[in-house]
Protein backbone atom coordinates (compact mmCIF):
# COMPACT_ATOMS: atom_id res chain seq x y z
CA MET A 1 -12.46 17.80 -13.87
CA ALA A 2 -10.72 15.66 -16.49
CA ILE A 3 -7.31 16.62 -17.78
CA ARG A 4 -7.38 18.02 -21.33
CA PRO A 5 -5.14 16.34 -23.97
CA ALA A 6 -2.72 19.30 -24.02
CA GLU A 7 -2.35 19.09 -20.24
CA GLN A 8 -1.77 15.34 -20.37
CA LEU A 9 1.55 15.86 -22.18
CA ILE A 10 2.65 18.28 -19.48
CA HIS A 11 1.74 15.78 -16.76
CA LYS A 12 3.41 12.89 -18.59
CA ALA A 13 6.58 14.87 -19.27
CA ALA A 14 6.79 15.94 -15.62
CA TRP A 15 6.16 12.38 -14.42
CA LEU A 16 8.87 10.88 -16.61
CA TYR A 17 11.41 13.60 -15.87
CA TYR A 18 10.89 14.15 -12.14
CA ALA A 19 9.62 10.78 -10.88
CA HIS A 20 11.69 8.47 -13.08
CA GLY A 21 14.73 10.67 -13.71
CA LEU A 22 14.70 10.36 -17.49
CA ARG A 23 16.75 12.89 -19.44
CA GLN A 24 14.90 15.43 -21.55
CA ASP A 25 15.92 13.64 -24.77
CA GLN A 26 14.57 10.35 -23.34
CA VAL A 27 11.29 12.04 -22.41
CA ALA A 28 11.08 13.47 -25.93
CA SER A 29 11.63 10.01 -27.41
CA GLN A 30 9.02 8.38 -25.19
CA LEU A 31 6.37 11.01 -25.97
CA ASN A 32 7.37 11.42 -29.61
CA ILE A 33 7.86 15.17 -29.30
CA SER A 34 10.84 17.51 -29.68
CA ARG A 35 13.31 18.17 -26.89
CA ALA A 36 12.38 21.85 -27.08
CA SER A 37 8.77 20.91 -26.38
CA VAL A 38 9.86 18.88 -23.37
CA ALA A 39 11.72 21.87 -21.96
CA MET A 40 8.64 24.04 -22.48
CA TYR A 41 6.34 21.50 -20.83
CA LEU A 42 8.65 21.13 -17.83
CA ARG A 43 8.73 24.90 -17.42
CA LYS A 44 4.93 24.98 -17.48
CA ALA A 45 4.87 22.11 -14.99
CA ARG A 46 7.03 24.12 -12.59
CA GLU A 47 4.96 27.26 -13.07
CA THR A 48 1.65 25.51 -12.46
CA GLY A 49 2.82 23.26 -9.60
CA ILE A 50 2.57 19.97 -11.50
CA VAL A 51 6.11 19.18 -10.39
CA ASN A 52 4.54 18.49 -7.03
CA ILE A 53 4.18 14.84 -7.99
CA SER A 54 1.09 14.35 -5.84
CA THR A 55 -0.95 16.54 -8.19
CA SER A 56 0.04 14.50 -11.22
CA THR A 57 -1.65 11.39 -9.85
CA GLN A 58 -4.84 12.84 -11.39
CA LEU A 59 -3.48 11.50 -14.66
CA PHE A 60 -3.86 7.96 -13.30
CA THR A 61 -7.33 8.45 -11.83
CA ASP A 62 -8.70 9.81 -15.11
CA ASP A 63 -8.00 6.43 -16.72
CA VAL A 64 -11.18 4.69 -17.89
CA LEU A 65 -10.03 1.37 -16.42
CA ALA A 66 -9.61 3.00 -13.00
CA ARG A 67 -13.17 4.32 -13.15
CA GLN A 68 -14.52 0.93 -14.20
CA LEU A 69 -12.63 -0.80 -11.39
CA GLU A 70 -13.93 1.65 -8.80
CA ASP A 71 -17.49 0.90 -9.88
CA ALA A 72 -16.97 -2.86 -10.08
CA LEU A 73 -15.27 -3.14 -6.67
CA GLN A 74 -17.16 -0.28 -5.02
CA LEU A 75 -13.97 1.48 -3.95
CA ASP A 76 -13.53 5.17 -3.18
CA ALA A 77 -10.59 5.57 -5.55
CA VAL A 78 -8.28 3.50 -7.75
CA TRP A 79 -4.95 4.48 -9.26
CA ILE A 80 -3.39 2.33 -11.98
CA ALA A 81 0.30 2.47 -12.85
CA PRO A 82 0.62 2.03 -16.65
CA GLU A 83 2.71 -0.62 -18.34
CA ASN A 84 5.80 1.21 -19.61
CA ASP A 85 8.64 -0.28 -21.63
CA TYR A 86 11.11 2.26 -20.26
CA VAL A 87 10.75 1.03 -16.65
CA LEU A 88 12.98 -1.95 -15.89
CA ASP A 89 10.98 -2.93 -12.80
CA PRO A 90 7.21 -2.22 -13.10
CA SER A 91 6.85 -2.50 -9.33
CA THR A 92 8.95 0.65 -9.00
CA ASP A 93 6.34 2.56 -11.00
CA ILE A 94 3.64 1.31 -8.62
CA ALA A 95 5.66 2.32 -5.54
CA VAL A 96 6.35 5.82 -6.92
CA LEU A 97 2.67 6.29 -7.73
CA ALA A 98 1.60 4.90 -4.32
CA ALA A 99 3.93 7.28 -2.49
CA SER A 100 2.39 10.23 -4.34
CA VAL A 101 -1.15 8.99 -3.66
CA PHE A 102 -0.31 8.51 0.01
CA LEU A 103 0.94 12.10 0.31
CA GLU A 104 -2.27 13.33 -1.32
CA LEU A 105 -4.40 11.46 1.21
CA VAL A 106 -2.55 12.66 4.32
CA LYS A 107 -4.11 15.71 5.94
CA LYS A 108 -3.02 18.02 8.76
CA GLY A 109 -3.52 16.40 12.15
CA ASP A 110 -4.02 12.89 10.72
CA ARG A 111 -3.20 9.70 12.56
CA ILE A 112 -1.79 7.13 10.13
CA GLY A 113 -1.54 3.38 10.65
CA VAL A 114 1.31 1.64 8.81
CA ALA A 115 1.86 -2.09 8.36
CA TRP A 116 5.05 -3.68 7.11
CA GLY A 117 6.76 -5.64 4.35
CA ARG A 118 8.74 -5.00 1.19
CA THR A 119 5.97 -3.04 -0.54
CA VAL A 120 5.46 -0.59 2.33
CA TYR A 121 9.20 -0.15 2.85
CA THR A 122 9.72 0.50 -0.88
CA ILE A 123 6.99 3.16 -0.79
CA ALA A 124 8.69 4.79 2.19
CA ASP A 125 12.03 4.68 0.40
CA VAL A 126 10.79 6.54 -2.71
CA MET A 127 8.48 8.95 -0.85
CA SER A 128 9.15 12.67 -1.15
CA TYR A 129 9.84 14.61 2.03
CA ALA A 130 7.00 16.69 3.43
CA ASP A 131 6.64 18.91 6.47
CA LEU A 132 3.18 18.07 7.75
CA GLN A 133 1.75 19.47 10.95
CA ASP A 134 0.50 17.36 13.87
CA VAL A 135 0.68 14.07 11.97
CA THR A 136 1.29 10.82 13.87
CA VAL A 137 2.37 7.54 12.27
CA VAL A 138 1.57 4.41 14.27
CA GLN A 139 2.65 0.81 13.88
CA LEU A 140 -0.21 -1.61 13.17
CA CYS A 141 1.39 -4.79 14.46
CA GLY A 142 4.13 -6.13 16.72
CA ASN A 143 7.78 -6.21 15.79
CA LEU A 144 10.24 -8.73 14.38
CA GLY A 145 13.81 -9.72 15.08
CA ALA A 146 16.73 -7.64 13.81
CA PRO A 147 17.78 -9.87 10.86
CA TYR A 148 14.58 -9.18 8.90
CA SER A 149 15.02 -6.40 6.34
CA TYR A 150 11.57 -4.81 6.44
CA ARG A 151 10.62 -4.68 10.10
CA PRO A 152 7.37 -2.98 11.16
CA ASP A 153 9.22 -0.40 13.27
CA GLN A 154 11.48 0.48 10.33
CA CYS A 155 8.51 1.05 8.02
CA THR A 156 6.74 3.19 10.62
CA MET A 157 9.71 5.36 11.51
CA GLU A 158 10.90 5.87 7.93
CA ILE A 159 7.48 7.15 6.86
CA ALA A 160 7.33 9.35 9.96
CA ARG A 161 10.75 10.72 9.04
CA ARG A 162 9.64 11.50 5.49
CA LEU A 163 6.59 13.36 6.80
CA ASN A 164 8.44 15.09 9.65
CA ALA A 165 5.80 13.44 11.82
CA LYS A 166 5.69 11.72 15.19
CA GLY A 167 6.25 7.96 15.05
CA LEU A 168 4.78 5.48 17.55
CA ASN A 169 6.16 1.95 17.62
CA PHE A 170 4.75 -1.24 19.11
CA TYR A 171 7.04 -2.48 21.85
CA ALA A 172 5.90 -6.09 21.54
CA PRO A 173 6.80 -9.05 19.30
CA LEU A 174 4.61 -9.87 16.32
CA VAL A 175 4.11 -13.48 17.40
CA LEU A 176 4.25 -14.99 20.88
CA THR A 177 5.15 -18.61 21.65
CA THR A 178 1.82 -19.42 23.33
CA GLU A 179 -1.76 -18.19 23.11
CA LEU A 180 -1.83 -17.60 26.86
CA LEU A 181 1.22 -15.36 26.70
CA ALA A 182 -0.25 -13.39 23.81
CA HIS A 183 -3.55 -12.97 25.66
CA GLY A 184 -1.72 -11.66 28.72
CA LEU A 185 0.41 -9.24 26.71
CA ARG A 186 -2.62 -7.83 24.89
CA ALA A 187 -4.18 -7.19 28.31
CA GLU A 188 -1.23 -5.04 29.43
CA PRO A 189 -2.44 -1.41 29.69
CA VAL A 190 0.15 0.05 27.28
CA ILE A 191 -0.44 -2.60 24.59
CA ARG A 192 -4.21 -2.57 25.13
CA GLU A 193 -4.29 1.20 24.67
CA GLN A 194 -2.18 1.05 21.51
CA LEU A 195 -4.39 -1.63 19.98
CA SER A 196 -7.65 0.08 20.88
CA ASP A 197 -6.47 3.42 19.49
CA ILE A 198 -5.82 2.05 16.00
CA ALA A 199 -9.50 2.35 15.09
CA ASN A 200 -9.09 6.12 15.54
CA CYS A 201 -6.62 6.38 12.65
CA ASP A 202 -7.65 8.47 9.65
CA LEU A 203 -5.57 6.56 7.10
CA ALA A 204 -3.97 3.12 6.87
CA LEU A 205 -1.20 2.06 4.48
CA TYR A 206 -0.55 -1.60 3.81
CA SER A 207 -0.25 -4.34 1.24
CA VAL A 208 -1.48 -7.95 1.37
CA GLY A 209 0.86 -10.90 1.67
CA THR A 210 0.81 -14.32 0.06
CA VAL A 211 0.38 -17.62 1.89
CA ASP A 212 3.21 -19.60 0.33
CA ALA A 213 6.89 -20.18 1.02
CA ASP A 214 7.66 -16.64 -0.19
CA SER A 215 5.29 -15.05 2.33
CA HIS A 216 6.92 -12.41 4.51
CA VAL A 217 5.65 -14.15 7.65
CA VAL A 218 7.56 -17.24 6.53
CA LYS A 219 10.71 -15.38 5.53
CA CYS A 220 10.80 -13.52 8.84
CA GLY A 221 10.51 -16.81 10.77
CA ALA A 222 7.05 -16.27 12.24
CA LEU A 223 5.86 -19.43 10.45
CA SER A 224 7.70 -22.33 8.85
CA PRO A 225 6.92 -23.33 5.24
CA GLY A 226 5.25 -26.46 6.57
CA GLU A 227 3.07 -24.54 9.00
CA MET A 228 2.04 -22.16 6.25
CA ALA A 229 1.14 -25.09 4.00
CA LEU A 230 -1.15 -26.47 6.72
CA LEU A 231 -2.81 -23.07 7.15
CA ARG A 232 -3.34 -22.86 3.40
CA GLU A 233 -5.09 -26.24 3.51
CA ALA A 234 -7.25 -24.85 6.33
CA GLY A 235 -8.35 -21.92 4.16
CA ALA A 236 -5.62 -19.28 4.47
CA ALA A 237 -5.75 -16.83 1.54
CA GLY A 238 -3.65 -13.82 2.51
CA VAL A 239 -1.80 -11.86 5.19
CA ILE A 240 -2.85 -8.44 6.50
CA ALA A 241 -0.71 -6.66 9.13
CA GLY A 242 0.77 -10.01 10.13
CA GLN A 243 -2.61 -11.79 10.42
CA ILE A 244 -3.82 -14.67 8.27
CA ILE A 245 -7.12 -14.07 6.48
CA ASP A 246 -9.40 -16.49 4.62
CA ALA A 247 -10.95 -16.00 1.18
CA ALA A 248 -13.75 -13.91 2.70
CA GLY A 249 -11.26 -11.54 4.28
CA LYS A 250 -11.96 -12.75 7.81
CA ALA A 251 -9.32 -13.72 10.37
CA LEU A 252 -8.59 -17.42 10.03
CA ASP A 253 -9.46 -19.39 13.16
CA CYS A 254 -6.01 -20.72 14.00
CA SER A 255 -3.46 -20.75 16.80
CA TYR A 256 -1.10 -18.48 14.87
CA ASN A 257 -3.63 -15.63 14.75
CA ARG A 258 -4.35 -16.07 18.45
CA ARG A 259 -0.62 -15.63 19.14
CA VAL A 260 -0.24 -12.47 17.03
CA ILE A 261 0.01 -8.96 18.49
CA SER A 262 -1.68 -6.85 15.83
CA ALA A 263 -4.59 -4.52 15.16
CA SER A 264 -7.84 -6.48 14.85
CA LEU A 265 -9.41 -6.59 11.41
CA SER A 266 -12.49 -4.91 12.82
CA SER A 267 -10.40 -1.94 13.98
CA LEU A 268 -8.76 -1.73 10.54
CA ARG A 269 -12.19 -1.60 8.91
CA GLN A 270 -13.09 1.39 11.10
CA ILE A 271 -10.28 3.46 9.55
CA GLU A 272 -11.89 5.77 7.00
CA LYS A 273 -9.20 5.57 4.30
CA ARG A 274 -7.57 2.17 3.83
CA LEU A 275 -4.91 2.45 1.12
CA MET A 276 -3.81 -0.91 -0.24
CA VAL A 277 -0.86 -1.15 -2.62
CA VAL A 278 -0.10 -4.34 -4.55
CA GLN A 279 3.02 -4.60 -6.68
CA GLU A 280 3.17 -8.28 -7.60
CA ASP A 281 0.75 -10.08 -9.94
CA SER A 282 1.21 -13.18 -7.75
CA LYS A 283 -0.93 -11.46 -5.09
CA PHE A 284 -4.17 -11.69 -7.09
CA GLU A 285 -5.87 -14.22 -4.78
CA PRO A 286 -4.72 -12.51 -1.55
CA LEU A 287 -5.96 -9.18 -2.94
CA LEU A 288 -9.36 -10.68 -3.72
CA ALA A 289 -9.54 -11.87 -0.11
CA ALA A 290 -8.65 -8.42 1.24
CA LEU A 291 -11.25 -6.79 -1.01
CA ALA A 292 -13.89 -9.32 0.05
CA GLY A 293 -13.19 -8.46 3.69
CA GLY A 294 -13.67 -4.73 3.22
CA LEU A 295 -10.04 -4.04 4.07
CA CYS A 296 -9.50 -1.63 1.19
CA THR A 297 -11.13 1.68 0.21
CA HIS A 298 -8.30 3.09 -1.95
CA LEU A 299 -6.23 0.90 -4.25
CA VAL A 300 -2.98 1.27 -6.22
CA VAL A 301 -2.13 -1.53 -8.65
CA GLY A 302 -0.49 -2.11 -12.03
CA ALA A 303 -2.42 -2.27 -15.29
CA SER A 304 -2.25 -6.06 -15.62
CA MET A 305 -3.61 -6.60 -12.11
CA ALA A 306 -6.35 -4.04 -12.76
CA ARG A 307 -7.51 -5.91 -15.86
CA ARG A 308 -7.53 -9.24 -13.97
CA LEU A 309 -9.62 -7.70 -11.20
CA LEU A 310 -12.09 -6.22 -13.67
CA ASP A 311 -12.39 -9.50 -15.58
CA HIS A 312 -12.96 -11.37 -12.32
CA ALA A 313 -15.62 -8.89 -11.20
CA GLY A 314 -17.36 -9.25 -14.55
CA ALA A 315 -17.30 -13.04 -14.31
CA GLN A 316 -18.70 -12.92 -10.78
CA LYS A 317 -21.51 -10.64 -11.89
CA ALA A 318 -22.34 -12.87 -14.86
CA SER A 319 -22.57 -15.95 -12.66
């Protein structure tokens, strides 16, 4: 059921006040209403439970653009963070919204697969605390060295901590030095069991990485800028859970992928709810690749990215 106009102000006031920490006078200024009205709306928000931020994400799924994008991309659900002048960093708005969406999607007894990177760690950092029963958070790919800021194990355990859930880490490196060594490690019973069990997850949370010098697999030392450039020439379009994908969303046939310890793309596709969150507009091409590969069922993006995706879908249909 769509939110009525009177309810929209309550949702917006609660979102600005509780999620972004604006003062009541700032909320009044943004919504062009009196401060007394803000106080009344916030009281109603508390009384009706709207202050549980997860319920206010309905405001972002009622958006016409979100509905159009769902139809165009054949996704289960899309949430679009609006473009707001009062937010210094638009990516923060996307992370706050994604954290709320994620909490809505998690159910009692769920098994959740979590990837890594700045986007996922930011979502974990802004996520509200919840006490969920029998939830397990599992790492989707091998680990990195200590100097890297957004390690897979950190992302997994921080989200598990926020949910009061059980966290399961991968006790293996992300990338091995040789294909033979990687093959042998994947055959080890503990690692084999962890990898095979990923398809049994109910929900996955990840973003998609770029294939340039700013890629997280380059910054963490898994690939050099030169190696990444060669992979890009060979058809690399994005990075999912540490793996290189091509423009069709398939694993690129390359030595790097054969040396990676990570969930297979086929096992990721078996997860019922695959929540992808993209903060940066520079990830347009990688996101198209992930969508083409069926690696996303639920999507959180900003308004500018949403419009680019819809325009692209329209152009594809016209051609």
